[in-house]
């Protein structure tokens, strides 16, 4: 799939089945997200489709290749900093879907008036994500030693990443 043919759209209930497939496959691997690998569909729907977040899908060739959510990192006096979570369908990895969604999220956050974006928990062994966020101007501003229990390699660091908009 070519990232240039992707459409990134606000997610609707009609997209949920495709989002769930991605969410389930990504989370069950236990290597990039803190969610329990056995997270059930109702819990996943609450996380990804609740009223506190703006969910999006990246659609190409009639299939959902990726999804992301955008929200305020903190309430009140911290609400000017955005936060986002990204998931790419395993079969679409390496095709530019993450880059396209990252650029879209940064522009959307800017248009919504956010002043910066922060990722609170990027797993250090997720080298593709770390490299992508650095390519998009994020810096590692903190390291959380052994904060993530990776399903295959045990305890690994997590990064806090930040960039101004």
N, C-alpha and C. Protein backbone atom coordinates (compact mmCIF):
# COMPACT_ATOMS: atom_id res chain seq x y z
N UNK A 1 0.85 -1.18 0.00
CA UNK A 1 0.00 0.00 0.00
C UNK A 1 0.88 1.24 0.00
N UNK A 2 0.54 2.20 -0.82
CA UNK A 2 1.30 3.43 -0.89
C UNK A 2 0.70 4.46 0.06
N UNK A 3 1.57 5.06 0.87
CA UNK A 3 1.09 6.07 1.82
C UNK A 3 0.50 7.26 1.09
N UNK A 4 0.94 7.50 -0.14
CA UNK A 4 0.41 8.65 -0.89
C UNK A 4 -1.05 8.44 -1.28
N UNK A 5 -1.53 7.21 -1.23
CA UNK A 5 -2.92 6.93 -1.56
C UNK A 5 -3.82 6.85 -0.33
N UNK A 6 -3.25 7.10 0.83
CA UNK A 6 -4.02 7.04 2.07
C UNK A 6 -4.94 8.23 2.22
N UNK A 7 -6.07 7.98 2.81
CA UNK A 7 -6.96 9.03 3.28
C UNK A 7 -6.99 8.92 4.78
N UNK A 8 -6.77 10.03 5.47
CA UNK A 8 -6.86 10.02 6.92
C UNK A 8 -8.13 10.77 7.29
N UNK A 9 -9.02 10.05 7.98
CA UNK A 9 -10.37 10.55 8.25
C UNK A 9 -10.69 10.42 9.73
N UNK A 10 -11.61 11.27 10.22
CA UNK A 10 -12.12 11.04 11.57
C UNK A 10 -12.78 9.66 11.62
N UNK A 11 -12.48 8.90 12.65
CA UNK A 11 -13.07 7.56 12.79
C UNK A 11 -14.53 7.67 13.21
N UNK A 12 -15.34 6.77 12.68
CA UNK A 12 -16.74 6.66 13.04
C UNK A 12 -17.01 5.24 13.52
N UNK A 13 -18.20 5.01 14.01
CA UNK A 13 -18.57 3.66 14.45
C UNK A 13 -18.43 2.64 13.32
N UNK A 14 -18.62 3.07 12.07
CA UNK A 14 -18.48 2.16 10.94
C UNK A 14 -17.05 1.67 10.78
N UNK A 15 -16.09 2.39 11.32
CA UNK A 15 -14.68 1.99 11.24
C UNK A 15 -14.27 1.05 12.37
N UNK A 16 -15.15 0.86 13.36
CA UNK A 16 -14.71 0.16 14.56
C UNK A 16 -14.16 -1.24 14.29
N UNK A 17 -14.78 -2.02 13.43
CA UNK A 17 -14.31 -3.39 13.20
C UNK A 17 -12.86 -3.39 12.74
N UNK A 18 -12.51 -2.49 11.84
CA UNK A 18 -11.12 -2.39 11.37
C UNK A 18 -10.17 -1.89 12.44
N UNK A 19 -10.65 -0.94 13.24
CA UNK A 19 -9.82 -0.43 14.35
C UNK A 19 -9.58 -1.55 15.35
N UNK A 20 -10.64 -2.30 15.67
CA UNK A 20 -10.51 -3.39 16.65
C UNK A 20 -9.49 -4.42 16.18
N UNK A 21 -9.53 -4.77 14.89
CA UNK A 21 -8.56 -5.74 14.38
C UNK A 21 -7.13 -5.25 14.62
N UNK A 22 -6.88 -3.99 14.33
CA UNK A 22 -5.54 -3.42 14.55
C UNK A 22 -5.22 -3.38 16.03
N UNK A 23 -6.12 -2.83 16.82
CA UNK A 23 -5.90 -2.71 18.26
C UNK A 23 -5.57 -4.07 18.86
N UNK A 24 -6.39 -5.05 18.56
CA UNK A 24 -6.21 -6.39 19.13
C UNK A 24 -4.85 -6.98 18.75
N UNK A 25 -4.48 -6.89 17.48
CA UNK A 25 -3.21 -7.48 17.02
C UNK A 25 -2.01 -6.76 17.61
N UNK A 26 -2.09 -5.44 17.71
CA UNK A 26 -0.98 -4.68 18.27
C UNK A 26 -0.83 -4.95 19.75
N UNK A 27 -1.93 -4.88 20.47
CA UNK A 27 -1.88 -5.02 21.93
C UNK A 27 -1.54 -6.45 22.35
N UNK A 28 -2.07 -7.45 21.65
CA UNK A 28 -1.81 -8.83 22.06
C UNK A 28 -0.33 -9.20 21.93
N UNK A 29 0.42 -8.49 21.12
CA UNK A 29 1.84 -8.78 20.96
C UNK A 29 2.63 -8.45 22.23
N UNK A 30 2.15 -7.49 23.03
CA UNK A 30 2.78 -7.17 24.29
C UNK A 30 4.15 -6.53 24.17
N UNK A 31 4.38 -5.83 23.05
CA UNK A 31 5.71 -5.25 22.85
C UNK A 31 5.75 -3.75 22.64
N UNK A 32 4.58 -3.10 22.57
CA UNK A 32 4.60 -1.65 22.34
C UNK A 32 3.62 -0.85 23.19
N UNK A 33 2.57 -1.47 23.68
CA UNK A 33 1.55 -0.76 24.46
C UNK A 33 1.39 -1.36 25.83
N UNK A 34 1.05 -0.53 26.81
CA UNK A 34 0.89 -1.00 28.19
C UNK A 34 -0.43 -1.72 28.42
N UNK A 35 -1.36 -1.64 27.49
CA UNK A 35 -2.63 -2.32 27.68
C UNK A 35 -2.42 -3.82 27.84
N UNK A 36 -3.24 -4.43 28.67
CA UNK A 36 -3.18 -5.87 28.88
C UNK A 36 -3.34 -6.57 27.53
N UNK A 37 -2.47 -7.53 27.20
CA UNK A 37 -2.61 -8.25 25.93
C UNK A 37 -3.96 -8.93 25.75
N UNK A 38 -4.68 -9.16 26.84
CA UNK A 38 -6.00 -9.78 26.77
C UNK A 38 -7.14 -8.76 26.81
N UNK A 39 -6.84 -7.50 26.52
CA UNK A 39 -7.89 -6.47 26.50
C UNK A 39 -9.04 -6.91 25.61
N UNK A 40 -10.25 -6.85 26.15
CA UNK A 40 -11.41 -7.27 25.36
C UNK A 40 -11.93 -6.10 24.51
N UNK A 41 -12.81 -6.44 23.60
CA UNK A 41 -13.31 -5.44 22.65
C UNK A 41 -14.05 -4.28 23.31
N UNK A 42 -14.94 -4.49 24.28
CA UNK A 42 -15.61 -3.34 24.91
C UNK A 42 -14.62 -2.39 25.59
N UNK A 43 -13.61 -2.93 26.23
CA UNK A 43 -12.61 -2.09 26.88
C UNK A 43 -11.81 -1.32 25.84
N UNK A 44 -11.44 -1.99 24.76
CA UNK A 44 -10.70 -1.32 23.68
C UNK A 44 -11.54 -0.20 23.06
N UNK A 45 -12.80 -0.46 22.85
CA UNK A 45 -13.69 0.57 22.28
C UNK A 45 -13.75 1.78 23.20
N UNK A 46 -13.83 1.55 24.51
CA UNK A 46 -13.87 2.67 25.47
C UNK A 46 -12.58 3.49 25.39
N UNK A 47 -11.45 2.82 25.24
CA UNK A 47 -10.16 3.51 25.15
C UNK A 47 -10.08 4.34 23.88
N UNK A 48 -10.43 3.74 22.76
CA UNK A 48 -10.16 4.34 21.45
C UNK A 48 -11.29 5.22 20.93
N UNK A 49 -12.51 5.02 21.40
CA UNK A 49 -13.65 5.73 20.82
C UNK A 49 -14.39 6.59 21.84
N UNK A 50 -13.83 6.81 23.03
CA UNK A 50 -14.54 7.57 24.06
C UNK A 50 -14.61 9.05 23.70
N UNK A 51 -15.42 9.78 24.40
CA UNK A 51 -15.65 11.20 24.07
C UNK A 51 -14.45 12.09 24.40
N UNK A 52 -13.48 11.58 25.17
CA UNK A 52 -12.31 12.39 25.54
C UNK A 52 -11.23 12.42 24.46
N UNK A 53 -11.38 11.60 23.41
CA UNK A 53 -10.35 11.52 22.37
C UNK A 53 -10.96 11.79 21.01
N UNK A 54 -10.10 12.17 20.09
CA UNK A 54 -10.50 12.30 18.69
C UNK A 54 -9.82 11.15 17.94
N UNK A 55 -10.60 10.13 17.52
CA UNK A 55 -10.00 9.01 16.80
C UNK A 55 -9.98 9.25 15.29
N UNK A 56 -8.94 8.72 14.65
CA UNK A 56 -8.78 8.84 13.20
C UNK A 56 -8.40 7.48 12.63
N UNK A 57 -8.66 7.30 11.34
CA UNK A 57 -8.23 6.12 10.62
C UNK A 57 -7.50 6.53 9.36
N UNK A 58 -6.53 5.70 8.98
CA UNK A 58 -5.83 5.85 7.71
C UNK A 58 -6.34 4.73 6.81
N UNK A 59 -7.00 5.11 5.72
CA UNK A 59 -7.65 4.15 4.84
C UNK A 59 -6.96 4.18 3.48
N UNK A 60 -6.64 2.99 2.99
CA UNK A 60 -6.07 2.84 1.65
C UNK A 60 -6.54 1.54 1.05
N UNK A 61 -6.84 1.56 -0.21
CA UNK A 61 -7.33 0.35 -0.90
C UNK A 61 -8.54 -0.25 -0.20
N UNK A 62 -9.38 0.61 0.39
CA UNK A 62 -10.59 0.15 1.05
C UNK A 62 -10.37 -0.50 2.40
N UNK A 63 -9.13 -0.51 2.88
CA UNK A 63 -8.81 -1.15 4.16
C UNK A 63 -8.27 -0.12 5.14
N UNK A 64 -8.49 -0.35 6.42
CA UNK A 64 -7.92 0.52 7.44
C UNK A 64 -6.50 0.03 7.71
N UNK A 65 -5.54 0.88 7.35
CA UNK A 65 -4.12 0.53 7.48
C UNK A 65 -3.55 0.99 8.82
N UNK A 66 -4.22 1.94 9.45
CA UNK A 66 -3.74 2.46 10.73
C UNK A 66 -4.81 3.30 11.40
N UNK A 67 -4.55 3.62 12.64
CA UNK A 67 -5.47 4.43 13.41
C UNK A 67 -4.68 5.20 14.45
N UNK A 68 -5.20 6.36 14.81
CA UNK A 68 -4.60 7.10 15.91
C UNK A 68 -5.66 7.87 16.66
N UNK A 69 -5.32 8.21 17.91
CA UNK A 69 -6.19 9.06 18.71
C UNK A 69 -5.40 10.29 19.12
N UNK A 70 -6.12 11.39 19.26
CA UNK A 70 -5.54 12.67 19.66
C UNK A 70 -6.35 13.19 20.83
N UNK A 71 -5.65 13.70 21.84
CA UNK A 71 -6.32 14.22 23.02
C UNK A 71 -5.39 15.18 23.73
N UNK A 72 -5.90 15.84 24.75
CA UNK A 72 -5.05 16.66 25.61
C UNK A 72 -4.23 15.73 26.49
N UNK A 73 -2.97 16.09 26.68
CA UNK A 73 -2.11 15.27 27.52
C UNK A 73 -2.53 15.33 28.98
N UNK A 74 -2.98 16.49 29.43
CA UNK A 74 -3.42 16.70 30.80
C UNK A 74 -4.66 17.60 30.77
N UNK A 75 -5.45 17.61 31.82
CA UNK A 75 -6.59 18.54 31.88
C UNK A 75 -6.14 19.93 32.31
N UNK A 76 -7.06 20.86 32.28
CA UNK A 76 -6.84 22.18 32.86
C UNK A 76 -5.61 22.90 32.36
N UNK A 77 -4.72 23.22 33.25
CA UNK A 77 -3.55 24.05 32.91
C UNK A 77 -2.51 23.33 32.08
N UNK A 78 -2.70 22.03 31.83
CA UNK A 78 -1.82 21.28 30.94
C UNK A 78 -2.48 20.92 29.63
N UNK A 79 -3.69 21.43 29.41
CA UNK A 79 -4.48 21.04 28.24
C UNK A 79 -3.99 21.64 26.93
N UNK A 80 -2.98 22.50 26.97
CA UNK A 80 -2.44 23.08 25.74
C UNK A 80 -1.41 22.15 25.07
N UNK A 81 -1.09 21.03 25.72
CA UNK A 81 -0.17 20.04 25.17
C UNK A 81 -0.99 18.83 24.73
N UNK A 82 -0.81 18.44 23.48
CA UNK A 82 -1.52 17.29 22.93
C UNK A 82 -0.80 16.00 23.27
N UNK A 83 -1.55 14.92 23.18
CA UNK A 83 -1.03 13.58 23.33
C UNK A 83 -1.69 12.74 22.24
N UNK A 84 -1.03 11.71 21.79
CA UNK A 84 -1.61 10.86 20.76
C UNK A 84 -1.11 9.44 20.92
N UNK A 85 -1.88 8.50 20.39
CA UNK A 85 -1.49 7.10 20.35
C UNK A 85 -1.71 6.59 18.94
N UNK A 86 -0.77 5.82 18.43
CA UNK A 86 -0.78 5.39 17.03
C UNK A 86 -0.66 3.88 16.94
N UNK A 87 -1.43 3.28 16.03
CA UNK A 87 -1.32 1.85 15.75
C UNK A 87 -1.41 1.64 14.25
N UNK A 88 -0.48 0.87 13.72
CA UNK A 88 -0.46 0.53 12.30
C UNK A 88 -0.74 -0.96 12.17
N UNK A 89 -1.59 -1.30 11.22
CA UNK A 89 -1.87 -2.71 10.96
C UNK A 89 -0.55 -3.43 10.68
N UNK A 90 -0.33 -4.59 11.29
CA UNK A 90 0.94 -5.30 11.08
C UNK A 90 1.31 -5.49 9.62
N UNK A 91 0.34 -5.68 8.75
CA UNK A 91 0.63 -5.87 7.33
C UNK A 91 0.96 -4.58 6.60
N UNK A 92 0.77 -3.44 7.26
CA UNK A 92 1.06 -2.14 6.65
C UNK A 92 2.33 -1.49 7.20
N UNK A 93 2.98 -2.14 8.13
CA UNK A 93 4.18 -1.56 8.73
C UNK A 93 5.26 -1.38 7.67
N UNK A 94 5.99 -0.27 7.80
CA UNK A 94 7.08 0.01 6.88
C UNK A 94 6.65 0.64 5.57
N UNK A 95 5.36 0.95 5.44
CA UNK A 95 4.86 1.49 4.18
C UNK A 95 4.59 3.00 4.22
N UNK A 96 4.92 3.65 5.34
CA UNK A 96 4.71 5.09 5.44
C UNK A 96 3.41 5.48 6.11
N UNK A 97 2.64 4.52 6.57
CA UNK A 97 1.36 4.82 7.22
C UNK A 97 1.60 5.59 8.51
N UNK A 98 2.56 5.15 9.32
CA UNK A 98 2.86 5.84 10.57
C UNK A 98 3.32 7.26 10.34
N UNK A 99 4.17 7.47 9.35
CA UNK A 99 4.64 8.81 9.02
C UNK A 99 3.48 9.70 8.59
N UNK A 100 2.61 9.18 7.73
CA UNK A 100 1.45 9.98 7.27
C UNK A 100 0.54 10.34 8.44
N UNK A 101 0.28 9.37 9.33
CA UNK A 101 -0.57 9.66 10.48
C UNK A 101 0.12 10.64 11.43
N UNK A 102 1.43 10.49 11.62
CA UNK A 102 2.16 11.41 12.49
C UNK A 102 2.08 12.83 11.99
N UNK A 103 2.31 13.02 10.71
CA UNK A 103 2.21 14.37 10.12
C UNK A 103 0.79 14.92 10.26
N UNK A 104 -0.20 14.06 10.00
CA UNK A 104 -1.60 14.48 10.13
C UNK A 104 -1.91 14.88 11.56
N UNK A 105 -1.44 14.10 12.52
CA UNK A 105 -1.71 14.40 13.93
C UNK A 105 -1.08 15.73 14.34
N UNK A 106 0.14 15.98 13.90
CA UNK A 106 0.80 17.24 14.25
C UNK A 106 0.04 18.43 13.67
N UNK A 107 -0.37 18.31 12.42
CA UNK A 107 -1.11 19.41 11.80
C UNK A 107 -2.49 19.58 12.45
N UNK A 108 -3.17 18.48 12.74
CA UNK A 108 -4.48 18.55 13.39
C UNK A 108 -4.35 19.19 14.77
N UNK A 109 -3.34 18.78 15.53
CA UNK A 109 -3.12 19.35 16.86
C UNK A 109 -2.86 20.85 16.76
N UNK A 110 -2.06 21.25 15.79
CA UNK A 110 -1.76 22.68 15.58
C UNK A 110 -3.05 23.44 15.28
N UNK A 111 -3.87 22.88 14.38
CA UNK A 111 -5.13 23.54 14.01
C UNK A 111 -6.09 23.63 15.19
N UNK A 112 -6.02 22.68 16.11
CA UNK A 112 -6.88 22.68 17.29
C UNK A 112 -6.36 23.61 18.39
N UNK A 113 -5.21 24.23 18.15
CA UNK A 113 -4.68 25.20 19.10
C UNK A 113 -3.69 24.67 20.11
N UNK A 114 -3.31 23.41 19.99
CA UNK A 114 -2.29 22.88 20.90
C UNK A 114 -0.95 23.57 20.63
N UNK A 115 -0.14 23.71 21.66
CA UNK A 115 1.16 24.37 21.55
C UNK A 115 2.31 23.38 21.46
N UNK A 116 2.07 22.13 21.82
CA UNK A 116 3.10 21.10 21.81
C UNK A 116 2.43 19.74 21.79
N UNK A 117 3.24 18.70 21.56
CA UNK A 117 2.75 17.33 21.65
C UNK A 117 3.75 16.54 22.49
N UNK A 118 3.21 15.68 23.34
CA UNK A 118 4.04 14.85 24.22
C UNK A 118 3.56 13.42 24.18
N UNK A 119 4.52 12.50 24.08
CA UNK A 119 4.25 11.08 24.22
C UNK A 119 4.81 10.67 25.57
N UNK A 120 3.98 10.14 26.42
CA UNK A 120 4.36 9.83 27.79
C UNK A 120 5.08 8.49 27.96
N UNK A 121 4.96 7.61 26.95
CA UNK A 121 5.44 6.25 27.18
C UNK A 121 5.74 5.59 25.84
N UNK A 122 6.91 5.86 25.28
CA UNK A 122 7.35 5.21 24.05
C UNK A 122 8.33 4.12 24.45
N UNK A 123 7.99 2.89 24.17
CA UNK A 123 8.83 1.76 24.58
C UNK A 123 10.16 1.82 23.83
N UNK A 124 11.26 1.77 24.56
CA UNK A 124 12.59 1.97 23.97
C UNK A 124 12.93 0.93 22.91
N UNK A 125 12.41 -0.28 23.04
CA UNK A 125 12.70 -1.31 22.05
C UNK A 125 11.87 -1.17 20.78
N UNK A 126 10.92 -0.25 20.79
CA UNK A 126 10.12 0.04 19.60
C UNK A 126 10.91 1.05 18.76
N UNK A 127 12.01 0.56 18.21
CA UNK A 127 12.97 1.45 17.54
C UNK A 127 12.37 2.15 16.31
N UNK A 128 11.43 1.49 15.63
CA UNK A 128 10.79 2.13 14.48
C UNK A 128 10.01 3.37 14.92
N UNK A 129 9.27 3.25 16.04
CA UNK A 129 8.50 4.39 16.54
C UNK A 129 9.42 5.50 17.03
N UNK A 130 10.46 5.13 17.77
CA UNK A 130 11.40 6.15 18.28
C UNK A 130 12.01 6.91 17.11
N UNK A 131 12.46 6.19 16.08
CA UNK A 131 13.06 6.83 14.91
C UNK A 131 12.05 7.72 14.18
N UNK A 132 10.82 7.25 14.05
CA UNK A 132 9.77 8.04 13.39
C UNK A 132 9.53 9.34 14.13
N UNK A 133 9.36 9.25 15.45
CA UNK A 133 9.08 10.48 16.20
C UNK A 133 10.26 11.43 16.16
N UNK A 134 11.47 10.92 16.17
CA UNK A 134 12.64 11.80 16.05
C UNK A 134 12.67 12.44 14.67
N UNK A 135 12.32 11.70 13.64
CA UNK A 135 12.24 12.25 12.28
C UNK A 135 11.23 13.40 12.22
N UNK A 136 10.17 13.29 13.01
CA UNK A 136 9.13 14.32 13.02
C UNK A 136 9.41 15.42 14.06
N UNK A 137 10.61 15.46 14.59
CA UNK A 137 11.02 16.57 15.44
C UNK A 137 10.87 16.37 16.93
N UNK A 138 10.52 15.18 17.37
CA UNK A 138 10.40 14.90 18.80
C UNK A 138 11.78 14.62 19.39
N UNK A 139 11.95 15.02 20.63
CA UNK A 139 13.16 14.72 21.38
C UNK A 139 12.80 13.85 22.57
N UNK A 140 13.73 12.98 22.94
CA UNK A 140 13.56 12.22 24.18
C UNK A 140 13.92 13.17 25.31
N UNK A 141 12.94 13.46 26.16
CA UNK A 141 13.17 14.40 27.27
C UNK A 141 13.23 13.69 28.61
N UNK A 142 12.97 12.39 28.60
CA UNK A 142 13.05 11.63 29.83
C UNK A 142 13.09 10.15 29.54
N UNK A 143 13.72 9.42 30.45
CA UNK A 143 13.77 7.96 30.36
C UNK A 143 13.21 7.39 31.65
N UNK A 144 12.29 6.46 31.50
CA UNK A 144 11.68 5.77 32.64
C UNK A 144 12.32 4.39 32.70
N UNK A 145 13.29 4.20 33.60
CA UNK A 145 14.05 2.94 33.62
C UNK A 145 13.16 1.72 33.89
N UNK A 146 13.27 0.76 33.00
CA UNK A 146 12.59 -0.53 33.14
C UNK A 146 11.11 -0.38 33.46
N UNK A 147 10.46 0.59 32.85
CA UNK A 147 9.06 0.88 33.14
C UNK A 147 8.08 0.01 32.36
N UNK A 148 8.57 -0.73 31.37
CA UNK A 148 7.68 -1.55 30.53
C UNK A 148 8.11 -3.01 30.63
N UNK A 149 7.12 -3.87 30.84
CA UNK A 149 7.39 -5.32 30.89
C UNK A 149 7.08 -5.92 29.52
N UNK A 150 8.11 -5.96 28.68
CA UNK A 150 8.02 -6.46 27.31
C UNK A 150 7.73 -7.95 27.34
N UNK A 151 6.82 -8.40 26.47
CA UNK A 151 6.38 -9.79 26.49
C UNK A 151 7.50 -10.78 26.19
N UNK A 152 8.52 -10.36 25.44
CA UNK A 152 9.59 -11.30 25.07
C UNK A 152 10.94 -11.01 25.72
N UNK A 153 11.25 -9.75 25.98
CA UNK A 153 12.60 -9.43 26.47
C UNK A 153 12.64 -8.96 27.92
N UNK A 154 11.50 -8.91 28.56
CA UNK A 154 11.48 -8.51 29.97
C UNK A 154 11.39 -7.00 30.14
N UNK A 155 11.94 -6.52 31.23
CA UNK A 155 11.81 -5.10 31.58
C UNK A 155 12.73 -4.24 30.71
N UNK A 156 12.12 -3.22 30.08
CA UNK A 156 12.87 -2.29 29.23
C UNK A 156 12.45 -0.86 29.57
N UNK A 157 13.27 0.10 29.14
CA UNK A 157 12.98 1.51 29.39
C UNK A 157 11.83 2.01 28.52
N UNK A 158 11.23 3.09 28.97
CA UNK A 158 10.25 3.82 28.18
C UNK A 158 10.70 5.27 28.13
N UNK A 159 10.40 5.93 27.03
CA UNK A 159 10.81 7.32 26.84
C UNK A 159 9.61 8.25 26.92
N UNK A 160 9.86 9.46 27.42
CA UNK A 160 8.94 10.57 27.27
C UNK A 160 9.50 11.39 26.12
N UNK A 161 8.67 11.65 25.11
CA UNK A 161 9.11 12.38 23.91
C UNK A 161 8.24 13.62 23.76
N UNK A 162 8.85 14.71 23.27
CA UNK A 162 8.18 16.02 23.26
C UNK A 162 8.63 16.82 22.06
N UNK A 163 7.71 17.62 21.54
CA UNK A 163 8.07 18.64 20.55
C UNK A 163 7.06 19.76 20.59
N UNK A 164 7.54 20.97 20.35
CA UNK A 164 6.65 22.12 20.24
C UNK A 164 6.00 22.12 18.86
N UNK A 165 4.84 22.75 18.80
CA UNK A 165 4.15 22.86 17.52
C UNK A 165 4.30 24.27 16.95
